[in-house]
């Protein structure tokens, strides 16, 4: 039973890497969203707005995946 209580370090590192990517996207998405809303008369308004919204959605997804990976590493769930 002693071996079952250890955290899978490789899976934990993978989850932390995903959270770092999420953190980067959490700053990039709202920044692009602010740029798009402050320049709504420019021709690139809609493409920047669409990319910013997609980045924000991706950040939320990466947060979920990263936290799920860390929880799996703590409770020893292999996929």
PDB file of N, CA and C in Angstrom:
ATOM      1  N   UNK A   1       0.802  -1.198   0.000  1.00  0.00           N
ATOM      2  CA  UNK A   1       0.000   0.000   0.000  1.00  0.00           C
ATOM      3  C   UNK A   1       0.848   1.267   0.000  1.00  0.00           C
ATOM      4  N   UNK A   2       2.113   1.152   0.368  1.00  0.00           N
ATOM      5  CA  UNK A   2       2.943   2.354   0.451  1.00  0.00           C
ATOM      6  C   UNK A   2       3.154   2.990  -0.920  1.00  0.00           C
ATOM      7  N   UNK A   3       3.295   2.213  -1.961  1.00  0.00           N
ATOM      8  CA  UNK A   3       3.567   2.749  -3.294  1.00  0.00           C
ATOM      9  C   UNK A   3       2.388   3.457  -3.918  1.00  0.00           C
ATOM     10  N   UNK A   4       1.189   3.221  -3.437  1.00  0.00           N
ATOM     11  CA  UNK A   4      -0.002   3.821  -4.036  1.00  0.00           C
ATOM     12  C   UNK A   4      -0.233   5.258  -3.611  1.00  0.00           C
ATOM     13  N   UNK A   5       0.461   5.740  -2.589  1.00  0.00           N
ATOM     14  CA  UNK A   5       0.206   7.085  -2.082  1.00  0.00           C
ATOM     15  C   UNK A   5       1.152   8.136  -2.651  1.00  0.00           C
ATOM     16  N   UNK A   6       1.946   7.791  -3.626  1.00  0.00           N
ATOM     17  CA  UNK A   6       2.904   8.754  -4.181  1.00  0.00           C
ATOM     18  C   UNK A   6       2.307   9.494  -5.368  1.00  0.00           C
ATOM     19  N   UNK A   7       2.716  10.728  -5.510  1.00  0.00           N
ATOM     20  CA  UNK A   7       2.276  11.556  -6.631  1.00  0.00           C
ATOM     21  C   UNK A   7       3.100  11.223  -7.867  1.00  0.00           C
ATOM     22  N   UNK A   8       2.438  11.120  -9.010  1.00  0.00           N
ATOM     23  CA  UNK A   8       3.126  10.897 -10.279  1.00  0.00           C
ATOM     24  C   UNK A   8       3.755  12.221 -10.713  1.00  0.00           C
ATOM     25  N   UNK A   9       5.070  12.338 -10.559  1.00  0.00           N
ATOM     26  CA  UNK A   9       5.757  13.620 -10.790  1.00  0.00           C
ATOM     27  C   UNK A   9       5.738  14.038 -12.255  1.00  0.00           C
ATOM     28  N   UNK A  10       5.820  13.074 -13.175  1.00  0.00           N
ATOM     29  CA  UNK A  10       5.779  13.422 -14.604  1.00  0.00           C
ATOM     30  C   UNK A  10       4.428  14.022 -14.974  1.00  0.00           C
ATOM     31  N   UNK A  11       3.373  13.431 -14.466  1.00  0.00           N
ATOM     32  CA  UNK A  11       2.036  13.948 -14.750  1.00  0.00           C
ATOM     33  C   UNK A  11       1.816  15.298 -14.070  1.00  0.00           C
ATOM     34  N   UNK A  12       2.381  15.473 -12.897  1.00  0.00           N
ATOM     35  CA  UNK A  12       2.289  16.751 -12.185  1.00  0.00           C
ATOM     36  C   UNK A  12       2.994  17.860 -12.966  1.00  0.00           C
ATOM     37  N   UNK A  13       4.176  17.575 -13.485  1.00  0.00           N
ATOM     38  CA  UNK A  13       4.918  18.565 -14.283  1.00  0.00           C
ATOM     39  C   UNK A  13       4.156  18.907 -15.552  1.00  0.00           C
ATOM     40  N   UNK A  14       3.536  17.899 -16.162  1.00  0.00           N
ATOM     41  CA  UNK A  14       2.729  18.135 -17.366  1.00  0.00           C
ATOM     42  C   UNK A  14       1.563  19.079 -17.050  1.00  0.00           C
ATOM     43  N   UNK A  15       0.912  18.872 -15.906  1.00  0.00           N
ATOM     44  CA  UNK A  15      -0.192  19.741 -15.500  1.00  0.00           C
ATOM     45  C   UNK A  15       0.259  21.152 -15.197  1.00  0.00           C
ATOM     46  N   UNK A  16       1.423  21.286 -14.568  1.00  0.00           N
ATOM     47  CA  UNK A  16       1.957  22.620 -14.267  1.00  0.00           C
ATOM     48  C   UNK A  16       2.315  23.360 -15.549  1.00  0.00           C
ATOM     49  N   UNK A  17       2.868  22.642 -16.522  1.00  0.00           N
ATOM     50  CA  UNK A  17       3.172  23.263 -17.821  1.00  0.00           C
ATOM     51  C   UNK A  17       1.894  23.771 -18.490  1.00  0.00           C
ATOM     52  N   UNK A  18       0.832  22.995 -18.387  1.00  0.00           N
ATOM     53  CA  UNK A  18      -0.444  23.428 -18.971  1.00  0.00           C
ATOM     54  C   UNK A  18      -0.985  24.662 -18.253  1.00  0.00           C
ATOM     55  N   UNK A  19      -0.786  24.743 -16.951  1.00  0.00           N
ATOM     56  CA  UNK A  19      -1.236  25.925 -16.211  1.00  0.00           C
ATOM     57  C   UNK A  19      -0.400  27.150 -16.551  1.00  0.00           C
ATOM     58  N   UNK A  20       0.887  26.964 -16.856  1.00  0.00           N
ATOM     59  CA  UNK A  20       1.729  28.087 -17.280  1.00  0.00           C
ATOM     60  C   UNK A  20       1.252  28.606 -18.638  1.00  0.00           C
ATOM     61  N   UNK A  21       0.918  27.692 -19.539  1.00  0.00           N
ATOM     62  CA  UNK A  21       0.371  28.101 -20.837  1.00  0.00           C
ATOM     63  C   UNK A  21      -0.953  28.839 -20.629  1.00  0.00           C
ATOM     64  N   UNK A  22      -1.771  28.329 -19.720  1.00  0.00           N
ATOM     65  CA  UNK A  22      -3.050  28.970 -19.398  1.00  0.00           C
ATOM     66  C   UNK A  22      -2.828  30.384 -18.874  1.00  0.00           C
ATOM     67  N   UNK A  23      -1.839  30.557 -18.005  1.00  0.00           N
ATOM     68  CA  UNK A  23      -1.549  31.877 -17.450  1.00  0.00           C
ATOM     69  C   UNK A  23      -1.163  32.861 -18.550  1.00  0.00           C
ATOM     70  N   UNK A  24      -0.325  32.408 -19.486  1.00  0.00           N
ATOM     71  CA  UNK A  24       0.059  33.248 -20.619  1.00  0.00           C
ATOM     72  C   UNK A  24      -1.168  33.642 -21.445  1.00  0.00           C
ATOM     73  N   UNK A  25      -2.042  32.662 -21.707  1.00  0.00           N
ATOM     74  CA  UNK A  25      -3.242  32.945 -22.499  1.00  0.00           C
ATOM     75  C   UNK A  25      -4.218  33.845 -21.753  1.00  0.00           C
ATOM     76  N   UNK A  26      -4.237  33.746 -20.420  1.00  0.00           N
ATOM     77  CA  UNK A  26      -5.136  34.597 -19.632  1.00  0.00           C
ATOM     78  C   UNK A  26      -4.720  36.066 -19.680  1.00  0.00           C
ATOM     79  N   UNK A  27      -3.466  36.341 -19.932  1.00  0.00           N
ATOM     80  CA  UNK A  27      -3.038  37.727 -20.112  1.00  0.00           C
ATOM     81  C   UNK A  27      -3.180  38.163 -21.568  1.00  0.00           C
ATOM     82  N   UNK A  28      -2.878  37.262 -22.491  1.00  0.00           N
ATOM     83  CA  UNK A  28      -2.916  37.603 -23.909  1.00  0.00           C
ATOM     84  C   UNK A  28      -4.339  37.860 -24.411  1.00  0.00           C
ATOM     85  N   UNK A  29      -5.284  37.013 -24.027  1.00  0.00           N
ATOM     86  CA  UNK A  29      -6.661  37.135 -24.510  1.00  0.00           C
ATOM     87  C   UNK A  29      -7.316  38.457 -24.138  1.00  0.00           C
ATOM     88  N   UNK A  30      -7.370  38.814 -22.859  1.00  0.00           N
ATOM     89  CA  UNK A  30      -7.985  40.097 -22.501  1.00  0.00           C
ATOM     90  C   UNK A  30      -7.230  41.316 -23.054  1.00  0.00           C
ATOM     91  N   UNK A  31      -5.909  41.192 -23.199  1.00  0.00           N
ATOM     92  CA  UNK A  31      -5.149  42.300 -23.784  1.00  0.00           C
ATOM     93  C   UNK A  31      -5.569  42.522 -25.234  1.00  0.00           C
ATOM     94  N   UNK A  32      -5.675  41.436 -25.997  1.00  0.00           N
ATOM     95  CA  UNK A  32      -6.132  41.563 -27.381  1.00  0.00           C
ATOM     96  C   UNK A  32      -7.582  42.037 -27.446  1.00  0.00           C
ATOM     97  N   UNK A  33      -8.390  41.601 -26.502  1.00  0.00           N
ATOM     98  CA  UNK A  33      -9.781  42.044 -26.454  1.00  0.00           C
ATOM     99  C   UNK A  33      -9.866  43.547 -26.209  1.00  0.00           C
ATOM    100  N   UNK A  34      -9.026  44.050 -25.315  1.00  0.00           N
ATOM    101  CA  UNK A  34      -8.986  45.486 -25.050  1.00  0.00           C
ATOM    102  C   UNK A  34      -8.511  46.254 -26.291  1.00  0.00           C
ATOM    103  N   UNK A  35      -7.506  45.722 -26.964  1.00  0.00           N
ATOM    104  CA  UNK A  35      -7.009  46.370 -28.182  1.00  0.00           C
ATOM    105  C   UNK A  35      -8.103  46.402 -29.251  1.00  0.00           C
ATOM    106  N   UNK A  36      -8.835  45.295 -29.380  1.00  0.00           N
ATOM    107  CA  UNK A  36      -9.906  45.249 -30.384  1.00  0.00           C
ATOM    108  C   UNK A  36     -11.012  46.247 -30.063  1.00  0.00           C
ATOM    109  N   UNK A  37     -11.419  46.320 -28.787  1.00  0.00           N
ATOM    110  CA  UNK A  37     -12.511  47.231 -28.428  1.00  0.00           C
ATOM    111  C   UNK A  37     -12.091  48.697 -28.477  1.00  0.00           C
ATOM    112  N   UNK A  38     -10.810  48.974 -28.306  1.00  0.00           N
ATOM    113  CA  UNK A  38     -10.377  50.369 -28.361  1.00  0.00           C
ATOM    114  C   UNK A  38     -10.133  50.847 -29.795  1.00  0.00           C
ATOM    115  N   UNK A  39     -10.098  49.934 -30.753  1.00  0.00           N
ATOM    116  CA  UNK A  39      -9.889  50.296 -32.165  1.00  0.00           C
ATOM    117  C   UNK A  39     -11.004  49.733 -33.033  1.00  0.00           C
ATOM    118  N   UNK A  40     -12.250  49.981 -32.666  1.00  0.00           N
ATOM    119  CA  UNK A  40     -13.349  49.368 -33.414  1.00  0.00           C
ATOM    120  C   UNK A  40     -13.613  50.006 -34.774  1.00  0.00           C
ATOM    121  N   UNK A  41     -12.919  51.080 -35.120  1.00  0.00           N
ATOM    122  CA  UNK A  41     -13.082  51.679 -36.444  1.00  0.00           C
ATOM    123  C   UNK A  41     -12.010  51.212 -37.431  1.00  0.00           C
ATOM    124  N   UNK A  42     -11.084  50.391 -36.992  1.00  0.00           N
ATOM    125  CA  UNK A  42      -9.995  49.886 -37.844  1.00  0.00           C
ATOM    126  C   UNK A  42     -10.472  48.671 -38.637  1.00  0.00           C
ATOM    127  N   UNK A  43      -9.808  48.376 -39.767  1.00  0.00           N
ATOM    128  CA  UNK A  43     -10.237  47.227 -40.584  1.00  0.00           C
ATOM    129  C   UNK A  43      -9.950  45.867 -39.930  1.00  0.00           C
ATOM    130  N   UNK A  44      -9.015  45.804 -38.999  1.00  0.00           N
ATOM    131  CA  UNK A  44      -8.693  44.531 -38.353  1.00  0.00           C
ATOM    132  C   UNK A  44      -9.493  44.305 -37.067  1.00  0.00           C
ATOM    133  N   UNK A  45     -10.558  45.073 -36.867  1.00  0.00           N
ATOM    134  CA  UNK A  45     -11.346  44.957 -35.644  1.00  0.00           C
ATOM    135  C   UNK A  45     -11.920  43.552 -35.467  1.00  0.00           C
ATOM    136  N   UNK A  46     -12.612  43.035 -36.478  1.00  0.00           N
ATOM    137  CA  UNK A  46     -13.260  41.733 -36.349  1.00  0.00           C
ATOM    138  C   UNK A  46     -12.264  40.570 -36.253  1.00  0.00           C
ATOM    139  N   UNK A  47     -11.202  40.533 -37.067  1.00  0.00           N
ATOM    140  CA  UNK A  47     -10.250  39.425 -36.899  1.00  0.00           C
ATOM    141  C   UNK A  47      -9.577  39.406 -35.523  1.00  0.00           C
ATOM    142  N   UNK A  48      -9.200  40.576 -35.017  1.00  0.00           N
ATOM    143  CA  UNK A  48      -8.563  40.633 -33.697  1.00  0.00           C
ATOM    144  C   UNK A  48      -9.570  40.251 -32.620  1.00  0.00           C
ATOM    145  N   UNK A  49     -10.813  40.680 -32.755  1.00  0.00           N
ATOM    146  CA  UNK A  49     -11.851  40.333 -31.791  1.00  0.00           C
ATOM    147  C   UNK A  49     -12.105  38.823 -31.767  1.00  0.00           C
ATOM    148  N   UNK A  50     -12.173  38.203 -32.924  1.00  0.00           N
ATOM    149  CA  UNK A  50     -12.399  36.757 -33.002  1.00  0.00           C
ATOM    150  C   UNK A  50     -11.231  35.994 -32.404  1.00  0.00           C
ATOM    151  N   UNK A  51     -10.003  36.404 -32.724  1.00  0.00           N
ATOM    152  CA  UNK A  51      -8.816  35.733 -32.179  1.00  0.00           C
ATOM    153  C   UNK A  51      -8.767  35.892 -30.656  1.00  0.00           C
ATOM    154  N   UNK A  52      -9.100  37.078 -30.161  1.00  0.00           N
ATOM    155  CA  UNK A  52      -9.078  37.324 -28.712  1.00  0.00           C
ATOM    156  C   UNK A  52     -10.099  36.448 -27.993  1.00  0.00           C
ATOM    157  N   UNK A  53     -11.286  36.324 -28.555  1.00  0.00           N
ATOM    158  CA  UNK A  53     -12.314  35.484 -27.926  1.00  0.00           C
ATOM    159  C   UNK A  53     -11.893  34.023 -27.947  1.00  0.00           C
ATOM    160  N   UNK A  54     -11.301  33.574 -29.042  1.00  0.00           N
ATOM    161  CA  UNK A  54     -10.815  32.189 -29.114  1.00  0.00           C
ATOM    162  C   UNK A  54      -9.696  31.926 -28.112  1.00  0.00           C
ATOM    163  N   UNK A  55      -8.819  32.904 -27.922  1.00  0.00           N
ATOM    164  CA  UNK A  55      -7.737  32.753 -26.943  1.00  0.00           C
ATOM    165  C   UNK A  55      -8.308  32.687 -25.532  1.00  0.00           C
ATOM    166  N   UNK A  56      -9.321  33.496 -25.232  1.00  0.00           N
ATOM    167  CA  UNK A  56      -9.948  33.450 -23.903  1.00  0.00           C
ATOM    168  C   UNK A  56     -10.614  32.099 -23.652  1.00  0.00           C
ATOM    169  N   UNK A  57     -11.286  31.561 -24.646  1.00  0.00           N
ATOM    170  CA  UNK A  57     -11.921  30.248 -24.516  1.00  0.00           C
ATOM    171  C   UNK A  57     -10.863  29.159 -24.345  1.00  0.00           C
ATOM    172  N   UNK A  58      -9.763  29.271 -25.093  1.00  0.00           N
ATOM    173  CA  UNK A  58      -8.663  28.308 -24.976  1.00  0.00           C
ATOM    174  C   UNK A  58      -8.035  28.370 -23.585  1.00  0.00           C
ATOM    175  N   UNK A  59      -7.928  29.568 -23.015  1.00  0.00           N
ATOM    176  CA  UNK A  59      -7.369  29.706 -21.666  1.00  0.00           C
ATOM    177  C   UNK A  59      -8.237  28.988 -20.646  1.00  0.00           C
ATOM    178  N   UNK A  60      -9.541  29.102 -20.782  1.00  0.00           N
ATOM    179  CA  UNK A  60     -10.446  28.414 -19.863  1.00  0.00           C
ATOM    180  C   UNK A  60     -10.305  26.900 -20.020  1.00  0.00           C
ATOM    181  N   UNK A  61     -10.204  26.443 -21.268  1.00  0.00           N
ATOM    182  CA  UNK A  61     -10.015  25.015 -21.516  1.00  0.00           C
ATOM    183  C   UNK A  61      -8.699  24.494 -20.965  1.00  0.00           C
ATOM    184  N   UNK A  62      -7.621  25.269 -21.145  1.00  0.00           N
ATOM    185  CA  UNK A  62      -6.318  24.852 -20.622  1.00  0.00           C
ATOM    186  C   UNK A  62      -6.319  24.831 -19.096  1.00  0.00           C
ATOM    187  N   UNK A  63      -7.058  25.740 -18.471  1.00  0.00           N
ATOM    188  CA  UNK A  63      -7.171  25.732 -17.015  1.00  0.00           C
ATOM    189  C   UNK A  63      -7.837  24.445 -16.541  1.00  0.00           C
ATOM    190  N   UNK A  64      -8.916  24.061 -17.196  1.00  0.00           N
ATOM    191  CA  UNK A  64      -9.619  22.838 -16.833  1.00  0.00           C
ATOM    192  C   UNK A  64      -8.722  21.612 -17.040  1.00  0.00           C
ATOM    193  N   UNK A  65      -8.069  21.542 -18.202  1.00  0.00           N
ATOM    194  CA  UNK A  65      -7.212  20.390 -18.503  1.00  0.00           C
ATOM    195  C   UNK A  65      -6.023  20.332 -17.551  1.00  0.00           C
ATOM    196  N   UNK A  66      -5.417  21.476 -17.266  1.00  0.00           N
ATOM    197  CA  UNK A  66      -4.262  21.508 -16.372  1.00  0.00           C
ATOM    198  C   UNK A  66      -4.613  21.088 -14.962  1.00  0.00           C
ATOM    199  N   UNK A  67      -5.710  21.622 -14.428  1.00  0.00           N
ATOM    200  CA  UNK A  67      -6.138  21.238 -13.079  1.00  0.00           C
ATOM    201  C   UNK A  67      -6.536  19.763 -13.023  1.00  0.00           C
ATOM    202  N   UNK A  68      -7.193  19.282 -14.066  1.00  0.00           N
ATOM    203  CA  UNK A  68      -7.577  17.882 -14.125  1.00  0.00           C
ATOM    204  C   UNK A  68      -6.343  16.971 -14.162  1.00  0.00           C
ATOM    205  N   UNK A  69      -5.308  17.384 -14.882  1.00  0.00           N
ATOM    206  CA  UNK A  69      -4.071  16.617 -14.947  1.00  0.00           C
ATOM    207  C   UNK A  69      -3.377  16.579 -13.594  1.00  0.00           C
ATOM    208  N   UNK A  70      -3.356  17.702 -12.901  1.00  0.00           N
ATOM    209  CA  UNK A  70      -2.730  17.744 -11.571  1.00  0.00           C
ATOM    210  C   UNK A  70      -3.504  16.870 -10.588  1.00  0.00           C
ATOM    211  N   UNK A  71      -4.825  16.911 -10.646  1.00  0.00           N
ATOM    212  CA  UNK A  71      -5.622  16.065  -9.767  1.00  0.00           C
ATOM    213  C   UNK A  71      -5.383  14.591 -10.079  1.00  0.00           C
ATOM    214  N   UNK A  72      -5.283  14.251 -11.370  1.00  0.00           N
ATOM    215  CA  UNK A  72      -4.984  12.871 -11.748  1.00  0.00           C
ATOM    216  C   UNK A  72      -3.624  12.427 -11.237  1.00  0.00           C
ATOM    217  N   UNK A  73      -2.651  13.332 -11.240  1.00  0.00           N
ATOM    218  CA  UNK A  73      -1.318  12.957 -10.754  1.00  0.00           C
ATOM    219  C   UNK A  73      -1.321  12.741  -9.241  1.00  0.00           C
ATOM    220  N   UNK A  74      -2.131  13.502  -8.530  1.00  0.00           N
ATOM    221  CA  UNK A  74      -2.184  13.359  -7.072  1.00  0.00           C
ATOM    222  C   UNK A  74      -2.886  12.056  -6.688  1.00  0.00           C
ATOM    223  N   UNK A  75      -3.960  11.725  -7.373  1.00  0.00           N
ATOM    224  CA  UNK A  75      -4.747  10.545  -7.020  1.00  0.00           C
ATOM    225  C   UNK A  75      -4.382   9.321  -7.852  1.00  0.00           C
ATOM    226  N   UNK A  76      -3.259   9.364  -8.577  1.00  0.00           N
ATOM    227  CA  UNK A  76      -2.722   8.227  -9.336  1.00  0.00           C
ATOM    228  C   UNK A  76      -3.698   7.664 -10.351  1.00  0.00           C
ATOM    229  N   UNK A  77      -4.288   8.495 -11.173  1.00  0.00           N
ATOM    230  CA  UNK A  77      -5.135   8.028 -12.253  1.00  0.00           C
ATOM    231  C   UNK A  77      -4.340   8.106 -13.549  1.00  0.00           C
ATOM    232  N   UNK A  78      -4.093   7.007 -14.165  1.00  0.00           N
ATOM    233  CA  UNK A  78      -3.393   6.951 -15.450  1.00  0.00           C
ATOM    234  C   UNK A  78      -4.411   6.956 -16.573  1.00  0.00           C
ATOM    235  N   UNK A  79      -4.113   7.717 -17.624  1.00  0.00           N
ATOM    236  CA  UNK A  79      -5.013   7.738 -18.785  1.00  0.00           C
ATOM    237  C   UNK A  79      -4.433   6.914 -19.886  1.00  0.00           C
TER     238      UNK A  79
END
